[in-house]
Amino acid sequence: MGLFDKAVDKARDLARKNPDKVESALDKVGDAYDERTGGKHASRTDTVQQKAGEFLTGRTADAPDVPDAPDGTPTPDPDTSQHSRGPGD
């Protein structure tokens, strides 16, 4: 694992422990960008903010608000793609 990969893993770990701070920071950056561009790319900026937050925190925008564990470990989003099917399905 290279230095960059280690830095990304560290950033993701910290972000997952502090998702509210990540969302706040992304909002501030997006608002500053929108202000500098006159809102010309606002819809794209919103999409990037959402995707960056999902990548860093591991949470999706449409996931239910489930509290994290007391030690700060994020609660994983349920993965519905893993459901098994019976014979003949």
N, C-alpha and C. Protein backbone atom coordinates (compact mmCIF):
# COMPACT_ATOMS: atom_id res chain seq x y z
N MET A 1 0.85 -1.17 0.00
CA MET A 1 0.00 0.00 0.00
C MET A 1 0.89 1.23 0.00
N GLY A 2 0.64 2.11 -0.94
CA GLY A 2 1.46 3.32 -1.08
C GLY A 2 1.08 4.39 -0.08
N LEU A 3 1.85 5.43 -0.06
CA LEU A 3 1.64 6.55 0.85
C LEU A 3 0.27 7.20 0.61
N PHE A 4 -0.08 7.37 -0.67
CA PHE A 4 -1.36 7.99 -0.99
C PHE A 4 -2.52 7.13 -0.49
N ASP A 5 -2.43 5.82 -0.68
CA ASP A 5 -3.49 4.91 -0.22
C ASP A 5 -3.64 4.98 1.30
N LYS A 6 -2.52 5.06 2.00
CA LYS A 6 -2.57 5.17 3.46
C LYS A 6 -3.24 6.47 3.88
N ALA A 7 -2.94 7.56 3.17
CA ALA A 7 -3.54 8.85 3.49
C ALA A 7 -5.05 8.83 3.24
N VAL A 8 -5.47 8.20 2.16
CA VAL A 8 -6.90 8.10 1.85
C VAL A 8 -7.60 7.26 2.92
N ASP A 9 -7.00 6.14 3.30
CA ASP A 9 -7.59 5.29 4.34
C ASP A 9 -7.71 6.04 5.66
N LYS A 10 -6.69 6.80 6.01
CA LYS A 10 -6.71 7.59 7.24
C LYS A 10 -7.81 8.65 7.19
N ALA A 11 -7.94 9.32 6.05
CA ALA A 11 -8.98 10.34 5.89
C ALA A 11 -10.37 9.72 5.99
N ARG A 12 -10.55 8.58 5.36
CA ARG A 12 -11.86 7.91 5.42
C ARG A 12 -12.17 7.46 6.84
N ASP A 13 -11.18 6.96 7.56
CA ASP A 13 -11.39 6.52 8.93
C ASP A 13 -11.82 7.70 9.80
N LEU A 14 -11.12 8.81 9.68
CA LEU A 14 -11.48 10.00 10.46
C LEU A 14 -12.86 10.52 10.06
N ALA A 15 -13.16 10.50 8.78
CA ALA A 15 -14.45 11.00 8.30
C ALA A 15 -15.60 10.13 8.80
N ARG A 16 -15.39 8.83 8.85
CA ARG A 16 -16.45 7.94 9.34
C ARG A 16 -16.71 8.13 10.82
N LYS A 17 -15.72 8.58 11.54
CA LYS A 17 -15.90 8.85 12.97
C LYS A 17 -16.53 10.21 13.21
N ASN A 18 -16.47 11.11 12.22
CA ASN A 18 -16.98 12.48 12.35
C ASN A 18 -17.78 12.90 11.13
N PRO A 19 -18.85 12.18 10.79
CA PRO A 19 -19.58 12.49 9.55
C PRO A 19 -20.20 13.89 9.54
N ASP A 20 -20.62 14.39 10.70
CA ASP A 20 -21.21 15.73 10.74
C ASP A 20 -20.19 16.80 10.37
N LYS A 21 -18.96 16.63 10.83
CA LYS A 21 -17.91 17.60 10.50
C LYS A 21 -17.57 17.54 9.02
N VAL A 22 -17.58 16.34 8.45
CA VAL A 22 -17.30 16.19 7.02
C VAL A 22 -18.38 16.89 6.20
N GLU A 23 -19.64 16.65 6.54
CA GLU A 23 -20.73 17.27 5.80
C GLU A 23 -20.68 18.79 5.91
N SER A 24 -20.35 19.30 7.09
CA SER A 24 -20.23 20.74 7.29
C SER A 24 -19.11 21.32 6.43
N ALA A 25 -17.97 20.64 6.43
CA ALA A 25 -16.83 21.12 5.63
C ALA A 25 -17.15 21.09 4.15
N LEU A 26 -17.79 20.01 3.68
CA LEU A 26 -18.15 19.92 2.27
C LEU A 26 -19.15 21.00 1.88
N ASP A 27 -20.09 21.30 2.78
CA ASP A 27 -21.06 22.37 2.52
C ASP A 27 -20.36 23.72 2.38
N LYS A 28 -19.41 23.98 3.26
CA LYS A 28 -18.68 25.25 3.21
C LYS A 28 -17.88 25.38 1.92
N VAL A 29 -17.21 24.30 1.54
CA VAL A 29 -16.42 24.33 0.30
C VAL A 29 -17.33 24.52 -0.90
N GLY A 30 -18.44 23.80 -0.94
CA GLY A 30 -19.38 23.91 -2.05
C GLY A 30 -20.00 25.30 -2.14
N ASP A 31 -20.35 25.87 -0.98
CA ASP A 31 -20.91 27.22 -0.97
C ASP A 31 -19.90 28.24 -1.46
N ALA A 32 -18.64 28.09 -1.06
CA ALA A 32 -17.60 29.01 -1.51
C ALA A 32 -17.41 28.90 -3.02
N TYR A 33 -17.43 27.67 -3.53
CA TYR A 33 -17.28 27.47 -4.98
C TYR A 33 -18.46 28.08 -5.74
N ASP A 34 -19.67 27.85 -5.22
CA ASP A 34 -20.85 28.43 -5.86
C ASP A 34 -20.78 29.95 -5.87
N GLU A 35 -20.30 30.52 -4.78
CA GLU A 35 -20.19 31.97 -4.70
C GLU A 35 -19.19 32.51 -5.72
N ARG A 36 -18.06 31.82 -5.86
CA ARG A 36 -17.03 32.27 -6.81
C ARG A 36 -17.45 32.11 -8.26
N THR A 37 -18.31 31.12 -8.53
CA THR A 37 -18.75 30.89 -9.91
C THR A 37 -20.12 31.49 -10.19
N GLY A 38 -20.67 32.19 -9.22
CA GLY A 38 -21.98 32.78 -9.40
C GLY A 38 -23.09 31.75 -9.47
N GLY A 39 -22.88 30.59 -8.91
CA GLY A 39 -23.89 29.53 -8.91
C GLY A 39 -24.05 28.84 -10.25
N LYS A 40 -23.12 29.12 -11.15
CA LYS A 40 -23.19 28.59 -12.52
C LYS A 40 -23.21 27.05 -12.56
N HIS A 41 -22.53 26.42 -11.60
CA HIS A 41 -22.43 24.96 -11.57
C HIS A 41 -23.04 24.38 -10.31
N ALA A 42 -24.06 25.03 -9.76
CA ALA A 42 -24.62 24.66 -8.46
C ALA A 42 -25.11 23.22 -8.42
N SER A 43 -25.79 22.76 -9.47
CA SER A 43 -26.31 21.39 -9.43
C SER A 43 -25.17 20.36 -9.44
N ARG A 44 -24.14 20.64 -10.21
CA ARG A 44 -22.98 19.73 -10.23
C ARG A 44 -22.24 19.77 -8.90
N THR A 45 -22.14 20.97 -8.33
CA THR A 45 -21.47 21.11 -7.04
C THR A 45 -22.20 20.29 -5.97
N ASP A 46 -23.53 20.35 -5.98
CA ASP A 46 -24.31 19.58 -5.02
C ASP A 46 -24.08 18.08 -5.18
N THR A 47 -24.01 17.62 -6.42
CA THR A 47 -23.77 16.20 -6.69
C THR A 47 -22.39 15.79 -6.19
N VAL A 48 -21.39 16.62 -6.45
CA VAL A 48 -20.03 16.31 -5.99
C VAL A 48 -19.98 16.29 -4.47
N GLN A 49 -20.64 17.25 -3.83
CA GLN A 49 -20.67 17.27 -2.37
C GLN A 49 -21.28 15.98 -1.82
N GLN A 50 -22.37 15.55 -2.41
CA GLN A 50 -23.05 14.34 -1.96
C GLN A 50 -22.16 13.12 -2.15
N LYS A 51 -21.58 12.97 -3.33
CA LYS A 51 -20.74 11.81 -3.62
C LYS A 51 -19.48 11.79 -2.75
N ALA A 52 -18.89 12.96 -2.54
CA ALA A 52 -17.69 13.03 -1.69
C ALA A 52 -18.04 12.63 -0.25
N GLY A 53 -19.18 13.10 0.22
CA GLY A 53 -19.62 12.73 1.57
C GLY A 53 -19.87 11.24 1.69
N GLU A 54 -20.50 10.65 0.67
CA GLU A 54 -20.75 9.21 0.68
C GLU A 54 -19.44 8.44 0.66
N PHE A 55 -18.49 8.88 -0.14
CA PHE A 55 -17.21 8.19 -0.23
C PHE A 55 -16.45 8.26 1.10
N LEU A 56 -16.42 9.43 1.68
CA LEU A 56 -15.64 9.61 2.90
C LEU A 56 -16.30 9.00 4.14
N THR A 57 -17.61 9.15 4.27
CA THR A 57 -18.27 8.68 5.49
C THR A 57 -18.82 7.26 5.36
N GLY A 58 -18.98 6.78 4.13
CA GLY A 58 -19.55 5.45 3.95
C GLY A 58 -21.06 5.43 4.08
N ARG A 59 -21.68 6.59 4.17
CA ARG A 59 -23.14 6.68 4.31
C ARG A 59 -23.72 7.22 3.02
N THR A 60 -24.89 6.73 2.67
CA THR A 60 -25.58 7.24 1.49
C THR A 60 -26.60 8.28 1.92
N ALA A 61 -26.95 9.15 0.99
CA ALA A 61 -27.87 10.24 1.31
C ALA A 61 -29.26 9.73 1.65
N ASP A 62 -29.67 8.60 1.08
CA ASP A 62 -31.02 8.09 1.32
C ASP A 62 -31.08 7.05 2.43
N ALA A 63 -29.96 6.83 3.12
CA ALA A 63 -29.94 5.85 4.21
C ALA A 63 -30.64 6.42 5.44
N PRO A 64 -31.31 5.58 6.20
CA PRO A 64 -31.95 6.08 7.42
C PRO A 64 -30.89 6.55 8.41
N ASP A 65 -31.25 7.50 9.23
CA ASP A 65 -30.32 8.05 10.21
C ASP A 65 -30.22 7.08 11.38
N VAL A 66 -29.18 6.28 11.39
CA VAL A 66 -28.95 5.29 12.43
C VAL A 66 -27.76 5.76 13.25
N PRO A 67 -27.92 5.81 14.58
CA PRO A 67 -26.79 6.30 15.37
C PRO A 67 -25.60 5.35 15.30
N ASP A 68 -24.41 5.93 15.41
CA ASP A 68 -23.19 5.14 15.42
C ASP A 68 -23.04 4.45 16.78
N ALA A 69 -22.16 3.48 16.81
CA ALA A 69 -21.87 2.78 18.06
C ALA A 69 -21.20 3.76 19.03
N PRO A 70 -21.26 3.48 20.34
CA PRO A 70 -20.67 4.38 21.32
C PRO A 70 -19.18 4.66 21.10
N ASP A 71 -18.47 3.73 20.48
CA ASP A 71 -17.04 3.96 20.26
C ASP A 71 -16.77 4.77 18.99
N GLY A 72 -17.84 5.21 18.30
CA GLY A 72 -17.69 6.02 17.10
C GLY A 72 -17.68 5.23 15.82
N THR A 73 -17.76 3.91 15.92
CA THR A 73 -17.79 3.07 14.73
C THR A 73 -19.11 3.28 14.01
N PRO A 74 -19.08 3.64 12.72
CA PRO A 74 -20.33 3.88 12.00
C PRO A 74 -21.14 2.59 11.83
N THR A 75 -22.44 2.75 11.89
CA THR A 75 -23.33 1.63 11.64
C THR A 75 -23.38 1.40 10.14
N PRO A 76 -23.10 0.19 9.67
CA PRO A 76 -23.10 -0.05 8.23
C PRO A 76 -24.49 0.06 7.64
N ASP A 77 -24.55 0.51 6.39
CA ASP A 77 -25.81 0.56 5.68
C ASP A 77 -26.22 -0.86 5.31
N PRO A 78 -27.51 -1.16 5.40
CA PRO A 78 -27.94 -2.51 5.03
C PRO A 78 -27.72 -2.74 3.54
N ASP A 79 -27.25 -3.92 3.19
CA ASP A 79 -26.99 -4.27 1.80
C ASP A 79 -28.05 -5.25 1.36
N THR A 80 -29.02 -4.77 0.61
CA THR A 80 -30.13 -5.62 0.19
C THR A 80 -29.78 -6.52 -0.98
N SER A 81 -28.61 -6.33 -1.58
CA SER A 81 -28.24 -7.15 -2.74
C SER A 81 -27.78 -8.54 -2.32
N GLN A 82 -27.61 -8.80 -1.05
CA GLN A 82 -27.10 -10.07 -0.58
C GLN A 82 -28.20 -11.06 -0.21
N HIS A 83 -29.45 -10.71 -0.45
CA HIS A 83 -30.55 -11.63 -0.09
C HIS A 83 -30.50 -12.85 -0.99
N SER A 84 -30.68 -13.98 -0.35
CA SER A 84 -30.66 -15.23 -1.14
C SER A 84 -32.04 -15.52 -1.69
N ARG A 85 -32.05 -16.26 -2.75
CA ARG A 85 -33.31 -16.63 -3.38
C ARG A 85 -33.49 -18.13 -3.26
N GLY A 86 -34.72 -18.54 -3.19
CA GLY A 86 -35.01 -19.96 -3.09
C GLY A 86 -34.94 -20.62 -4.46
N PRO A 87 -35.04 -21.95 -4.50
CA PRO A 87 -35.01 -22.63 -5.79
C PRO A 87 -36.17 -22.19 -6.68
N GLY A 88 -35.88 -22.01 -7.93
CA GLY A 88 -36.91 -21.64 -8.90
C GLY A 88 -37.17 -20.15 -8.98
N ASP A 89 -36.46 -19.34 -8.23
CA ASP A 89 -36.67 -17.89 -8.28
C ASP A 89 -35.89 -17.28 -9.41
